C-alpha atoms as a PDB file:
ATOM      1  CA  MET A   1     -52.680 -17.670  10.397  1.00  0.00           C
ATOM      2  CA  SER A   2     -49.925 -19.817  10.135  1.00  0.00           C
ATOM      3  CA  ALA A   3     -47.054 -20.833  12.286  1.00  0.00           C
ATOM      4  CA  ALA A   4     -44.557 -18.736  10.153  1.00  0.00           C
ATOM      5  CA  GLU A   5     -46.172 -15.696  10.500  1.00  0.00           C
ATOM      6  CA  ASN A   6     -46.222 -15.795  14.360  1.00  0.00           C
ATOM      7  CA  ILE A   7     -42.353 -15.647  14.340  1.00  0.00           C
ATOM      8  CA  ASP A   8     -41.378 -12.080  14.087  1.00  0.00           C
ATOM      9  CA  PRO A   9     -38.040 -11.850  16.277  1.00  0.00           C
ATOM     10  CA  ALA A  10     -36.478  -8.638  16.930  1.00  0.00           C
ATOM     11  CA  GLU A  11     -33.774  -7.159  15.071  1.00  0.00           C
ATOM     12  CA  GLY A  12     -30.459  -8.745  15.319  1.00  0.00           C
ATOM     13  CA  HIS A  13     -31.890 -12.105  16.719  1.00  0.00           C
ATOM     14  CA  LEU A  14     -30.612 -15.226  15.549  1.00  0.00           C
ATOM     15  CA  TRP A  15     -32.965 -18.583  15.004  1.00  0.00           C
ATOM     16  CA  GLY A  16     -31.646 -21.859  16.756  1.00  0.00           C
ATOM     17  CA  TYR A  17     -33.483 -25.003  15.644  1.00  0.00           C
ATOM     18  CA  GLU A  18     -37.206 -24.354  16.770  1.00  0.00           C
ATOM     19  CA  ASP A  19     -37.429 -21.010  15.540  1.00  0.00           C
ATOM     20  CA  CYS A  20     -36.238 -22.573  11.926  1.00  0.00           C
ATOM     21  CA  ALA A  21     -38.531 -25.318  12.443  1.00  0.00           C
ATOM     22  CA  ARG A  22     -41.553 -23.331  13.456  1.00  0.00           C
ATOM     23  CA  TYR A  23     -41.151 -21.155  10.643  1.00  0.00           C
ATOM     24  CA  ILE A  24     -40.642 -23.733   8.015  1.00  0.00           C
ATOM     25  CA  GLY A  25     -43.324 -25.935   9.011  1.00  0.00           C
ATOM     26  CA  VAL A  26     -41.651 -29.086  10.360  1.00  0.00           C
ATOM     27  CA  ALA A  27     -40.868 -30.836  13.352  1.00  0.00           C
ATOM     28  CA  ARG A  28     -38.123 -30.177  15.505  1.00  0.00           C
ATOM     29  CA  TRP A  29     -36.476 -33.422  14.489  1.00  0.00           C
ATOM     30  CA  THR A  30     -37.379 -33.329  11.180  1.00  0.00           C
ATOM     31  CA  PHE A  31     -35.689 -29.670  10.812  1.00  0.00           C
ATOM     32  CA  VAL A  32     -32.278 -30.967  13.052  1.00  0.00           C
ATOM     33  CA  ASN A  33     -32.210 -34.327  11.096  1.00  0.00           C
ATOM     34  CA  ARG A  34     -33.149 -33.584   7.345  1.00  0.00           C
ATOM     35  CA  ILE A  35     -33.484 -29.987   6.833  1.00  0.00           C
ATOM     36  CA  SER A  36     -30.528 -28.383   8.440  1.00  0.00           C
ATOM     37  CA  LYS A  37     -28.579 -31.509   6.385  1.00  0.00           C
ATOM     38  CA  GLU A  38     -29.456 -30.624   3.109  1.00  0.00           C
ATOM     39  CA  PRO A  39     -26.697 -29.047   0.761  1.00  0.00           C
ATOM     40  CA  ASP A  40     -28.527 -26.203  -0.136  1.00  0.00           C
ATOM     41  CA  PHE A  41     -29.442 -25.268   3.442  1.00  0.00           C
ATOM     42  CA  PRO A  42     -27.809 -22.135   4.546  1.00  0.00           C
ATOM     43  CA  ARG A  43     -24.650 -22.712   6.984  1.00  0.00           C
ATOM     44  CA  PRO A  44     -25.174 -21.564  10.580  1.00  0.00           C
ATOM     45  CA  ALA A  45     -24.262 -17.953  11.376  1.00  0.00           C
ATOM     46  CA  ILE A  46     -22.978 -19.131  14.827  1.00  0.00           C
ATOM     47  CA  GLU A  47     -21.955 -22.737  15.596  1.00  0.00           C
ATOM     48  CA  LEU A  48     -20.382 -23.125  19.332  1.00  0.00           C
ATOM     49  CA  SER A  49     -20.921 -26.826  18.784  1.00  0.00           C
ATOM     50  CA  ARG A  50     -23.204 -29.763  17.075  1.00  0.00           C
ATOM     51  CA  LYS A  51     -26.187 -29.017  19.328  1.00  0.00           C
ATOM     52  CA  ILE A  52     -25.939 -24.889  19.527  1.00  0.00           C
ATOM     53  CA  ARG A  53     -26.032 -23.482  16.137  1.00  0.00           C
ATOM     54  CA  ARG A  54     -27.947 -20.151  15.053  1.00  0.00           C
ATOM     55  CA  TRP A  55     -29.354 -19.232  11.739  1.00  0.00           C
ATOM     56  CA  LEU A  56     -29.959 -15.460  10.041  1.00  0.00           C
ATOM     57  CA  PRO A  57     -33.547 -15.175   9.501  1.00  0.00           C
ATOM     58  CA  GLU A  58     -33.073 -13.786   6.511  1.00  0.00           C
ATOM     59  CA  ASP A  59     -30.962 -16.748   4.946  1.00  0.00           C
ATOM     60  CA  VAL A  60     -33.690 -19.324   6.595  1.00  0.00           C
ATOM     61  CA  LYS A  61     -36.791 -17.127   4.883  1.00  0.00           C
ATOM     62  CA  ASP A  62     -34.808 -16.990   1.505  1.00  0.00           C
ATOM     63  CA  TRP A  63     -34.214 -20.652   1.902  1.00  0.00           C
ATOM     64  CA  ALA A  64     -37.640 -21.651   2.385  1.00  0.00           C
ATOM     65  CA  TYR A  65     -39.040 -19.308  -0.297  1.00  0.00           C
ATOM     66  CA  ARG A  66     -36.542 -20.761  -2.946  1.00  0.00           C
ATOM     67  CA  SER A  67     -37.590 -24.423  -2.053  1.00  0.00           C
ATOM     68  CA  ARG A  68     -41.232 -23.636  -1.988  1.00  0.00           C
ATOM     69  CA  ARG A  69     -40.485 -22.224  -5.646  1.00  0.00           C
ATOM     70  CA  ARG A  70     -38.622 -25.116  -6.575  1.00  0.00           C
ATOM     71  CA  ASN A  71     -41.117 -27.483  -5.535  1.00  0.00           C
ATOM     72  CA  ARG A  72     -44.067 -25.817  -7.307  1.00  0.00           C
ATOM     73  CA  ARG A  73     -42.657 -27.015 -10.774  1.00  0.00           C
END
């Protein structure tokens, strides 16, 4: 079972850096400094500061799906 399959937060839960990184399968540093800054990565649903950002899980999952499909070509 992959790390992504272990993430199944309750309805309404927003994902932070750790959740997003775990779902995508990268280190937190990689997510914070590379992936979250990609132009096509979804904007945070909530941004309280540069260090406190939260994403909708559906947005992250959609991005990951599109990214995997794009990389298979």
